[in-house]
N, C-alpha and C. Protein backbone atom coordinates (compact mmCIF):
# COMPACT_ATOMS: atom_id res chain seq x y z
N UNK A 1 2.16 -0.06 4.75
CA UNK A 1 2.01 -1.24 5.57
C UNK A 1 2.42 -0.93 7.01
N UNK A 2 1.84 0.14 7.52
CA UNK A 2 2.22 0.61 8.85
C UNK A 2 0.97 0.89 9.68
N UNK A 3 0.29 -0.15 10.14
CA UNK A 3 0.49 -1.59 10.04
C UNK A 3 -0.20 -2.15 8.79
N UNK A 4 0.13 -3.39 8.44
CA UNK A 4 -0.58 -4.03 7.33
C UNK A 4 -2.03 -4.32 7.75
N UNK A 5 -2.94 -4.03 6.83
CA UNK A 5 -4.37 -4.15 7.14
C UNK A 5 -5.07 -5.17 6.25
N UNK A 6 -6.31 -5.44 6.60
CA UNK A 6 -7.14 -6.33 5.79
C UNK A 6 -7.31 -5.77 4.38
N UNK A 7 -7.29 -4.45 4.23
CA UNK A 7 -7.42 -3.85 2.90
C UNK A 7 -6.16 -4.08 2.07
N UNK A 8 -4.99 -3.96 2.68
CA UNK A 8 -3.75 -4.23 1.94
C UNK A 8 -3.80 -5.64 1.35
N UNK A 9 -4.20 -6.59 2.15
CA UNK A 9 -4.24 -7.98 1.70
C UNK A 9 -5.33 -8.18 0.64
N UNK A 10 -6.48 -7.58 0.83
CA UNK A 10 -7.57 -7.71 -0.15
C UNK A 10 -7.19 -7.10 -1.49
N UNK A 11 -6.51 -5.96 -1.47
CA UNK A 11 -6.08 -5.32 -2.71
C UNK A 11 -5.04 -6.19 -3.43
N UNK A 12 -4.08 -6.73 -2.68
CA UNK A 12 -3.08 -7.61 -3.29
C UNK A 12 -3.74 -8.82 -3.93
N UNK A 13 -4.70 -9.42 -3.25
CA UNK A 13 -5.39 -10.58 -3.79
C UNK A 13 -6.24 -10.21 -5.00
N UNK A 14 -6.91 -9.06 -4.94
CA UNK A 14 -7.71 -8.60 -6.09
C UNK A 14 -6.82 -8.37 -7.30
N UNK A 15 -5.64 -7.82 -7.10
CA UNK A 15 -4.70 -7.60 -8.21
C UNK A 15 -4.25 -8.93 -8.80
N UNK A 16 -3.96 -9.87 -7.94
CA UNK A 16 -3.53 -11.21 -8.40
C UNK A 16 -4.61 -11.85 -9.26
N UNK A 17 -5.84 -11.79 -8.78
CA UNK A 17 -6.94 -12.41 -9.52
C UNK A 17 -7.26 -11.64 -10.80
N UNK A 18 -7.33 -10.33 -10.72
CA UNK A 18 -7.70 -9.47 -11.86
C UNK A 18 -6.69 -9.60 -13.00
N UNK A 19 -5.43 -9.57 -12.68
CA UNK A 19 -4.38 -9.54 -13.70
C UNK A 19 -3.75 -10.90 -13.97
N UNK A 20 -4.22 -11.94 -13.27
CA UNK A 20 -3.65 -13.27 -13.47
C UNK A 20 -2.18 -13.34 -13.06
N UNK A 21 -1.83 -12.64 -12.00
CA UNK A 21 -0.44 -12.59 -11.55
C UNK A 21 -0.11 -13.84 -10.73
N UNK A 22 1.07 -14.38 -10.95
CA UNK A 22 1.53 -15.52 -10.16
C UNK A 22 2.00 -15.09 -8.78
N UNK A 23 2.48 -13.84 -8.71
CA UNK A 23 3.06 -13.33 -7.46
C UNK A 23 2.76 -11.84 -7.35
N UNK A 24 2.51 -11.41 -6.13
CA UNK A 24 2.38 -9.99 -5.81
C UNK A 24 3.37 -9.71 -4.69
N UNK A 25 4.24 -8.73 -4.91
CA UNK A 25 5.19 -8.33 -3.87
C UNK A 25 4.67 -7.13 -3.10
N UNK A 26 4.72 -7.21 -1.79
CA UNK A 26 4.48 -6.06 -0.94
C UNK A 26 5.83 -5.37 -0.83
N UNK A 27 5.93 -4.14 -1.32
CA UNK A 27 7.21 -3.46 -1.40
C UNK A 27 7.28 -2.34 -0.37
N UNK A 28 8.29 -2.42 0.48
CA UNK A 28 8.54 -1.40 1.49
C UNK A 28 9.69 -0.51 1.02
N UNK A 29 9.46 0.80 1.04
CA UNK A 29 10.56 1.74 0.80
C UNK A 29 11.24 2.02 2.13
N UNK A 30 12.54 2.06 2.11
CA UNK A 30 13.26 2.40 3.34
C UNK A 30 12.85 3.79 3.83
N UNK A 31 12.61 4.70 2.90
CA UNK A 31 12.10 6.04 3.23
C UNK A 31 11.00 6.37 2.25
N UNK A 32 9.78 6.01 2.61
CA UNK A 32 8.64 6.20 1.71
C UNK A 32 8.40 7.68 1.45
N UNK A 33 8.16 7.99 0.20
CA UNK A 33 7.89 9.36 -0.22
C UNK A 33 6.58 9.85 0.41
N UNK A 34 6.64 11.00 1.06
CA UNK A 34 5.44 11.60 1.63
C UNK A 34 4.98 10.99 2.94
N UNK A 35 5.77 10.12 3.51
CA UNK A 35 5.41 9.49 4.78
C UNK A 35 6.44 9.87 5.83
N UNK A 36 5.98 10.21 7.04
CA UNK A 36 6.94 10.56 8.09
C UNK A 36 7.72 9.32 8.54
N UNK A 37 8.99 9.51 8.83
CA UNK A 37 9.83 8.42 9.31
C UNK A 37 9.71 8.30 10.83
N UNK A 38 9.60 9.43 11.50
CA UNK A 38 9.50 9.44 12.97
C UNK A 38 8.28 8.65 13.43
N UNK A 39 8.49 7.81 14.42
CA UNK A 39 7.40 7.03 14.99
C UNK A 39 7.04 5.79 14.19
N UNK A 40 7.72 5.55 13.10
CA UNK A 40 7.46 4.38 12.28
C UNK A 40 8.32 3.23 12.78
N UNK A 41 7.74 2.04 12.93
CA UNK A 41 8.60 0.91 13.29
C UNK A 41 9.69 0.74 12.23
N UNK A 42 10.86 0.27 12.64
CA UNK A 42 11.95 0.07 11.69
C UNK A 42 11.53 -0.83 10.52
N UNK A 43 12.12 -0.58 9.36
CA UNK A 43 11.79 -1.34 8.16
C UNK A 43 11.98 -2.84 8.39
N UNK A 44 13.02 -3.24 9.08
CA UNK A 44 13.25 -4.67 9.28
C UNK A 44 12.15 -5.31 10.13
N UNK A 45 11.60 -4.58 11.11
CA UNK A 45 10.47 -5.10 11.89
C UNK A 45 9.24 -5.24 11.00
N UNK A 46 9.00 -4.23 10.17
CA UNK A 46 7.84 -4.26 9.26
C UNK A 46 8.01 -5.38 8.23
N UNK A 47 9.24 -5.57 7.76
CA UNK A 47 9.52 -6.66 6.81
C UNK A 47 9.19 -8.00 7.45
N UNK A 48 9.62 -8.21 8.68
CA UNK A 48 9.37 -9.48 9.35
C UNK A 48 7.88 -9.76 9.48
N UNK A 49 7.10 -8.74 9.78
CA UNK A 49 5.65 -8.92 9.89
C UNK A 49 5.07 -9.27 8.53
N UNK A 50 5.49 -8.56 7.48
CA UNK A 50 4.98 -8.86 6.14
C UNK A 50 5.39 -10.27 5.69
N UNK A 51 6.57 -10.69 6.08
CA UNK A 51 6.99 -12.06 5.75
C UNK A 51 6.12 -13.08 6.47
N UNK A 52 5.69 -12.77 7.68
CA UNK A 52 4.76 -13.65 8.39
C UNK A 52 3.41 -13.70 7.67
N UNK A 53 2.97 -12.57 7.16
CA UNK A 53 1.72 -12.51 6.39
C UNK A 53 1.88 -13.36 5.12
N UNK A 54 3.00 -13.22 4.45
CA UNK A 54 3.24 -13.93 3.19
C UNK A 54 3.47 -15.43 3.39
N UNK A 55 3.89 -15.84 4.57
CA UNK A 55 4.25 -17.23 4.81
C UNK A 55 3.13 -18.21 4.48
N UNK A 56 1.89 -17.82 4.71
CA UNK A 56 0.77 -18.73 4.44
C UNK A 56 0.10 -18.44 3.10
N UNK A 57 0.72 -17.58 2.31
CA UNK A 57 0.17 -17.21 1.01
C UNK A 57 1.30 -17.32 -0.02
N UNK A 58 1.41 -18.44 -0.70
CA UNK A 58 2.55 -18.67 -1.59
C UNK A 58 2.65 -17.68 -2.76
N UNK A 59 1.61 -16.97 -3.04
CA UNK A 59 1.58 -15.99 -4.13
C UNK A 59 2.07 -14.61 -3.68
N UNK A 60 2.34 -14.47 -2.40
CA UNK A 60 2.68 -13.16 -1.84
C UNK A 60 4.16 -13.11 -1.46
N UNK A 61 4.83 -12.01 -1.85
CA UNK A 61 6.23 -11.83 -1.51
C UNK A 61 6.45 -10.50 -0.82
N UNK A 62 7.66 -10.30 -0.33
CA UNK A 62 8.04 -9.07 0.38
C UNK A 62 9.38 -8.61 -0.17
N UNK A 63 9.45 -7.32 -0.49
CA UNK A 63 10.67 -6.71 -1.02
C UNK A 63 10.90 -5.39 -0.30
N UNK A 64 12.15 -5.12 0.04
CA UNK A 64 12.53 -3.81 0.61
C UNK A 64 13.38 -3.11 -0.43
N UNK A 65 13.12 -1.82 -0.63
CA UNK A 65 13.85 -1.05 -1.64
C UNK A 65 14.26 0.31 -1.11
N UNK A 66 15.29 0.86 -1.70
CA UNK A 66 15.69 2.23 -1.41
C UNK A 66 14.99 3.22 -2.34
N UNK A 67 14.30 2.71 -3.36
CA UNK A 67 13.58 3.58 -4.29
C UNK A 67 12.42 4.28 -3.59
N UNK A 68 12.09 5.48 -4.06
CA UNK A 68 11.01 6.24 -3.43
C UNK A 68 9.86 6.55 -4.38
N UNK A 69 10.17 6.85 -5.64
CA UNK A 69 9.12 7.13 -6.62
C UNK A 69 8.52 5.82 -7.13
N UNK A 70 7.21 5.81 -7.33
CA UNK A 70 6.53 4.59 -7.81
C UNK A 70 7.14 4.11 -9.11
N UNK A 71 7.50 5.02 -10.00
CA UNK A 71 8.10 4.61 -11.28
C UNK A 71 9.39 3.83 -11.05
N UNK A 72 10.16 4.21 -10.06
CA UNK A 72 11.40 3.49 -9.75
C UNK A 72 11.11 2.16 -9.04
N UNK A 73 10.15 2.19 -8.14
CA UNK A 73 9.79 0.97 -7.41
C UNK A 73 9.23 -0.08 -8.36
N UNK A 74 8.43 0.36 -9.34
CA UNK A 74 7.75 -0.56 -10.25
C UNK A 74 8.62 -1.08 -11.38
N UNK A 75 9.82 -0.54 -11.53
CA UNK A 75 10.70 -0.96 -12.63
C UNK A 75 10.94 -2.48 -12.57
N UNK A 76 10.72 -3.13 -13.69
CA UNK A 76 10.94 -4.57 -13.77
C UNK A 76 9.73 -5.42 -13.44
N UNK A 77 8.67 -4.81 -12.95
CA UNK A 77 7.45 -5.54 -12.63
C UNK A 77 6.49 -5.53 -13.82
N UNK A 78 5.58 -6.49 -13.85
CA UNK A 78 4.55 -6.55 -14.89
C UNK A 78 3.39 -5.60 -14.59
N UNK A 79 3.22 -5.27 -13.32
CA UNK A 79 2.12 -4.39 -12.91
C UNK A 79 2.52 -3.67 -11.63
N UNK A 80 1.88 -2.54 -11.41
CA UNK A 80 2.02 -1.82 -10.14
C UNK A 80 0.61 -1.70 -9.57
N UNK A 81 0.50 -1.94 -8.27
CA UNK A 81 -0.78 -1.96 -7.59
C UNK A 81 -0.81 -0.83 -6.57
N UNK A 82 -1.84 0.01 -6.66
CA UNK A 82 -1.93 1.18 -5.79
C UNK A 82 -3.38 1.41 -5.37
N UNK A 83 -3.52 2.13 -4.26
CA UNK A 83 -4.82 2.67 -3.91
C UNK A 83 -5.05 3.96 -4.69
N UNK A 84 -6.29 4.36 -4.84
CA UNK A 84 -6.61 5.58 -5.60
C UNK A 84 -5.93 6.81 -5.01
N UNK A 85 -5.77 6.83 -3.70
CA UNK A 85 -5.11 7.98 -3.07
C UNK A 85 -3.63 8.04 -3.45
N UNK A 86 -2.96 6.89 -3.52
CA UNK A 86 -1.56 6.86 -3.92
C UNK A 86 -1.43 7.19 -5.41
N UNK A 87 -2.39 6.75 -6.23
CA UNK A 87 -2.35 7.08 -7.65
C UNK A 87 -2.44 8.60 -7.84
N UNK A 88 -3.28 9.26 -7.05
CA UNK A 88 -3.36 10.72 -7.13
C UNK A 88 -2.02 11.35 -6.79
N UNK A 89 -1.31 10.77 -5.83
CA UNK A 89 0.03 11.27 -5.47
C UNK A 89 1.00 11.07 -6.64
N UNK A 90 0.93 9.92 -7.30
CA UNK A 90 1.81 9.66 -8.44
C UNK A 90 1.61 10.72 -9.52
N UNK A 91 0.38 11.18 -9.69
CA UNK A 91 0.06 12.16 -10.74
C UNK A 91 0.34 13.60 -10.33
N UNK A 92 0.66 13.83 -9.08
CA UNK A 92 0.89 15.20 -8.58
C UNK A 92 2.30 15.66 -8.94
N UNK A 93 2.42 16.72 -9.76
CA UNK A 93 3.75 17.20 -10.15
C UNK A 93 4.62 17.64 -8.97
N UNK A 94 4.03 17.89 -7.82
CA UNK A 94 4.81 18.32 -6.66
C UNK A 94 5.89 17.29 -6.30
N UNK A 95 5.64 16.02 -6.55
CA UNK A 95 6.60 14.96 -6.23
C UNK A 95 7.73 14.88 -7.24
N UNK A 96 7.64 15.68 -8.29
CA UNK A 96 8.65 15.70 -9.36
C UNK A 96 9.22 17.11 -9.50
N UNK A 97 9.44 17.77 -8.37
CA UNK A 97 9.96 19.14 -8.33
C UNK A 97 9.07 20.10 -9.12
N UNK A 98 7.76 19.82 -9.14
CA UNK A 98 6.80 20.70 -9.81
C UNK A 98 6.77 20.55 -11.32
N UNK A 99 7.49 19.60 -11.86
CA UNK A 99 7.61 19.45 -13.31
C UNK A 99 6.58 18.45 -13.85
N UNK A 100 5.67 18.94 -14.69
CA UNK A 100 4.73 18.02 -15.32
C UNK A 100 5.44 17.13 -16.33
N UNK A 101 6.50 17.65 -16.96
CA UNK A 101 7.27 16.84 -17.90
C UNK A 101 7.93 15.65 -17.19
N UNK A 102 8.50 15.90 -16.01
CA UNK A 102 9.12 14.81 -15.24
C UNK A 102 8.06 13.83 -14.77
N UNK A 103 6.91 14.34 -14.36
CA UNK A 103 5.80 13.46 -13.95
C UNK A 103 5.36 12.60 -15.13
N UNK A 104 5.16 13.23 -16.28
CA UNK A 104 4.70 12.49 -17.46
C UNK A 104 5.71 11.42 -17.87
N UNK A 105 7.00 11.74 -17.76
CA UNK A 105 8.04 10.77 -18.10
C UNK A 105 8.00 9.59 -17.14
N UNK A 106 7.78 9.86 -15.85
CA UNK A 106 7.71 8.79 -14.85
C UNK A 106 6.48 7.91 -15.09
N UNK A 107 5.34 8.54 -15.36
CA UNK A 107 4.11 7.77 -15.59
C UNK A 107 4.23 6.94 -16.87
N UNK A 108 4.92 7.47 -17.86
CA UNK A 108 5.06 6.77 -19.15
C UNK A 108 5.81 5.45 -19.03
N UNK A 109 6.68 5.31 -18.05
CA UNK A 109 7.47 4.08 -17.91
C UNK A 109 6.83 3.06 -16.97
N UNK A 110 5.69 3.42 -16.40
CA UNK A 110 5.03 2.48 -15.49
C UNK A 110 4.53 1.26 -16.25
N UNK A 111 4.57 0.11 -15.59
CA UNK A 111 3.94 -1.08 -16.19
C UNK A 111 2.42 -0.94 -16.07
N UNK A 112 1.73 -1.97 -16.26
CA UNK A 112 0.27 -2.01 -16.11
C UNK A 112 -0.09 -1.45 -14.72
N UNK A 113 -1.05 -0.51 -14.69
CA UNK A 113 -1.42 0.15 -13.44
C UNK A 113 -2.76 -0.39 -12.96
N UNK A 114 -2.75 -1.00 -11.78
CA UNK A 114 -3.94 -1.56 -11.15
C UNK A 114 -4.26 -0.74 -9.91
N UNK A 115 -5.46 -0.16 -9.87
CA UNK A 115 -5.80 0.77 -8.79
C UNK A 115 -7.04 0.29 -8.04
N UNK A 116 -6.93 0.32 -6.73
CA UNK A 116 -8.07 0.01 -5.86
C UNK A 116 -8.81 1.31 -5.57
N UNK A 117 -10.10 1.37 -5.90
CA UNK A 117 -10.88 2.56 -5.57
C UNK A 117 -10.84 2.82 -4.06
N UNK A 118 -10.96 4.09 -3.70
CA UNK A 118 -10.92 4.45 -2.28
C UNK A 118 -11.84 5.62 -2.05
N UNK A 119 -12.71 5.51 -1.06
CA UNK A 119 -13.63 6.59 -0.70
C UNK A 119 -14.41 7.08 -1.93
N UNK A 120 -14.82 6.17 -2.80
CA UNK A 120 -15.57 6.56 -3.99
C UNK A 120 -14.73 7.12 -5.11
N UNK A 121 -13.43 7.25 -4.92
CA UNK A 121 -12.53 7.76 -5.95
C UNK A 121 -12.22 6.62 -6.91
N UNK A 122 -12.66 6.77 -8.16
CA UNK A 122 -12.47 5.76 -9.20
C UNK A 122 -11.75 6.42 -10.38
N UNK A 123 -10.43 6.53 -10.31
CA UNK A 123 -9.69 7.24 -11.36
C UNK A 123 -9.86 6.59 -12.73
N UNK A 124 -9.74 7.41 -13.75
CA UNK A 124 -9.82 6.94 -15.13
C UNK A 124 -8.42 6.69 -15.68
N UNK A 125 -8.35 5.89 -16.75
CA UNK A 125 -7.08 5.65 -17.41
C UNK A 125 -6.23 4.57 -16.76
N UNK A 126 -6.80 3.87 -15.79
CA UNK A 126 -6.11 2.77 -15.11
C UNK A 126 -7.09 1.61 -15.00
N UNK A 127 -6.58 0.45 -14.66
CA UNK A 127 -7.46 -0.70 -14.43
C UNK A 127 -7.91 -0.68 -12.98
N UNK A 128 -9.22 -0.63 -12.77
CA UNK A 128 -9.75 -0.61 -11.41
C UNK A 128 -9.94 -2.03 -10.90
N UNK A 129 -9.55 -2.25 -9.69
CA UNK A 129 -9.69 -3.55 -9.05
C UNK A 129 -11.04 -3.67 -8.38
N UNK A 130 -11.55 -4.87 -8.34
CA UNK A 130 -12.81 -5.15 -7.68
C UNK A 130 -12.52 -5.50 -6.22
N UNK A 131 -12.65 -4.48 -5.38
CA UNK A 131 -12.40 -4.62 -3.95
C UNK A 131 -13.68 -4.20 -3.23
N UNK A 132 -14.06 -4.92 -2.20
CA UNK A 132 -15.28 -4.60 -1.46
C UNK A 132 -15.31 -3.13 -1.06
N UNK A 133 -16.45 -2.49 -1.26
CA UNK A 133 -16.58 -1.05 -0.99
C UNK A 133 -16.17 -0.67 0.43
N UNK A 134 -16.53 -1.49 1.41
CA UNK A 134 -16.23 -1.12 2.80
C UNK A 134 -14.72 -1.04 3.06
N UNK A 135 -13.91 -1.70 2.23
CA UNK A 135 -12.47 -1.66 2.44
C UNK A 135 -11.87 -0.32 2.02
N UNK A 136 -12.61 0.48 1.26
CA UNK A 136 -12.12 1.80 0.85
C UNK A 136 -11.92 2.75 2.01
N UNK A 137 -12.53 2.47 3.13
CA UNK A 137 -12.35 3.34 4.30
C UNK A 137 -11.31 2.81 5.28
N UNK A 138 -10.79 1.62 5.02
CA UNK A 138 -9.77 1.04 5.90
C UNK A 138 -8.49 1.84 5.74
N UNK A 139 -7.89 2.19 6.86
CA UNK A 139 -6.71 3.05 6.84
C UNK A 139 -5.74 2.64 7.93
N UNK A 140 -4.48 2.45 7.54
CA UNK A 140 -3.44 2.16 8.54
C UNK A 140 -3.27 3.34 9.48
N UNK A 141 -3.43 4.55 8.97
CA UNK A 141 -3.35 5.74 9.83
C UNK A 141 -4.43 5.69 10.89
N UNK A 142 -5.64 5.31 10.51
CA UNK A 142 -6.74 5.22 11.48
C UNK A 142 -6.44 4.17 12.54
N UNK A 143 -5.80 3.08 12.13
CA UNK A 143 -5.42 2.05 13.11
C UNK A 143 -4.42 2.64 14.10
N UNK A 144 -3.40 3.33 13.59
CA UNK A 144 -2.35 3.89 14.46
C UNK A 144 -2.90 4.94 15.41
N UNK A 145 -3.88 5.71 14.96
CA UNK A 145 -4.40 6.80 15.81
C UNK A 145 -5.57 6.37 16.68
N UNK A 146 -5.98 5.11 16.58
CA UNK A 146 -7.01 4.61 17.48
C UNK A 146 -8.42 5.00 17.08
N UNK A 147 -8.68 5.15 15.81
CA UNK A 147 -10.04 5.47 15.35
C UNK A 147 -10.99 4.35 15.77
N UNK A 148 -12.25 4.71 16.03
CA UNK A 148 -13.22 3.69 16.45
C UNK A 148 -13.27 2.51 15.47
N UNK A 149 -13.21 1.32 16.00
CA UNK A 149 -13.30 0.07 15.26
C UNK A 149 -12.11 -0.22 14.34
N UNK A 150 -11.15 0.67 14.25
CA UNK A 150 -10.03 0.48 13.32
C UNK A 150 -9.09 -0.65 13.75
N UNK A 151 -9.04 -0.97 15.02
CA UNK A 151 -8.15 -2.04 15.47
C UNK A 151 -8.50 -3.37 14.81
N UNK A 152 -9.75 -3.54 14.39
CA UNK A 152 -10.18 -4.77 13.72
C UNK A 152 -9.59 -4.88 12.32
N UNK A 153 -9.04 -3.82 11.80
CA UNK A 153 -8.50 -3.82 10.44
C UNK A 153 -7.08 -4.35 10.35
N UNK A 154 -6.36 -4.39 11.45
CA UNK A 154 -4.96 -4.82 11.42
C UNK A 154 -4.91 -6.35 11.24
N UNK A 155 -3.98 -6.81 10.41
CA UNK A 155 -3.86 -8.25 10.17
C UNK A 155 -3.40 -8.97 11.43
N UNK A 156 -3.88 -10.19 11.64
CA UNK A 156 -3.52 -10.94 12.85
C UNK A 156 -2.01 -11.09 13.05
N UNK A 157 -1.27 -11.27 11.97
CA UNK A 157 0.18 -11.41 12.07
C UNK A 157 0.82 -10.14 12.64
N UNK A 158 0.24 -8.98 12.30
CA UNK A 158 0.76 -7.71 12.81
C UNK A 158 0.42 -7.56 14.29
N UNK A 159 -0.77 -7.98 14.67
CA UNK A 159 -1.16 -7.93 16.09
C UNK A 159 -0.23 -8.82 16.90
N UNK A 160 -0.03 -10.04 16.41
CA UNK A 160 0.81 -11.01 17.14
C UNK A 160 2.25 -10.56 17.26
N UNK A 161 2.72 -9.75 16.33
CA UNK A 161 4.12 -9.32 16.34
C UNK A 161 4.44 -8.38 17.50
N UNK A 162 3.46 -7.63 17.96
CA UNK A 162 3.70 -6.64 19.01
C UNK A 162 4.44 -5.41 18.52
N UNK A 163 4.67 -5.31 17.19
CA UNK A 163 5.38 -4.16 16.63
C UNK A 163 4.56 -2.88 16.79
N UNK A 164 3.25 -3.01 16.66
CA UNK A 164 2.37 -1.84 16.77
C UNK A 164 1.59 -1.91 18.07
N UNK A 165 1.65 -0.85 18.82
CA UNK A 165 0.81 -0.72 20.00
C UNK A 165 -0.46 -0.03 19.51
N UNK A 166 -1.45 -0.82 19.20
CA UNK A 166 -2.68 -0.28 18.63
C UNK A 166 -3.51 0.36 19.72
N UNK A 167 -3.77 1.65 19.52
CA UNK A 167 -4.56 2.40 20.50
C UNK A 167 -6.04 2.23 20.19
N UNK A 168 -6.79 2.08 21.21
CA UNK A 168 -8.26 2.00 21.07
C UNK A 168 -8.80 3.39 21.35
N UNK A 169 -9.66 3.86 20.45
CA UNK A 169 -10.27 5.18 20.64
C UNK A 169 -11.25 5.13 21.79
N UNK A 170 -11.28 6.21 22.54
CA UNK A 170 -12.26 6.31 23.61
C UNK A 170 -13.55 6.82 23.01
N UNK A 171 -14.62 6.21 23.43
CA UNK A 171 -15.93 6.63 22.94
C UNK A 171 -16.51 7.64 23.92
N UNK A 172 -17.09 8.69 23.35
CA UNK A 172 -17.69 9.69 24.24
C UNK A 172 -19.17 9.46 24.43
């Protein structure tokens, strides 16, 4: 959620509808696994923006955690919602000190896994969410780096916050 995008919101809503969830929490890790900390707005600023997003959506919540692995973050939830790219990361033994046994143990304790396809990646063995195909290319990284047209992907609440200085790509 750096910054929160139209795809983040669409995936959360698709999970709510698909699984009949009463609530979907947007969960921020204080130190997200595999994400650089440098240059990231502080967690409390990001939390405030997500709370503004959730304010008009009674089914949406915001949680901050010190947990880093998805298995730890998802503990106690009925479902975990991920993009296909994050699901691939969950399955990568590199995040478990190279141990497939540790990876398998972590995956085994996950609740219901709901995955949003991304860039045509439709993993097997999970429940796929029905999210518009064009949202598979939406990327918070692209927003931050000023990719063409990516500024349109940032949620209005994030724009209004001023937390992100969204760069516009120069066209050649």
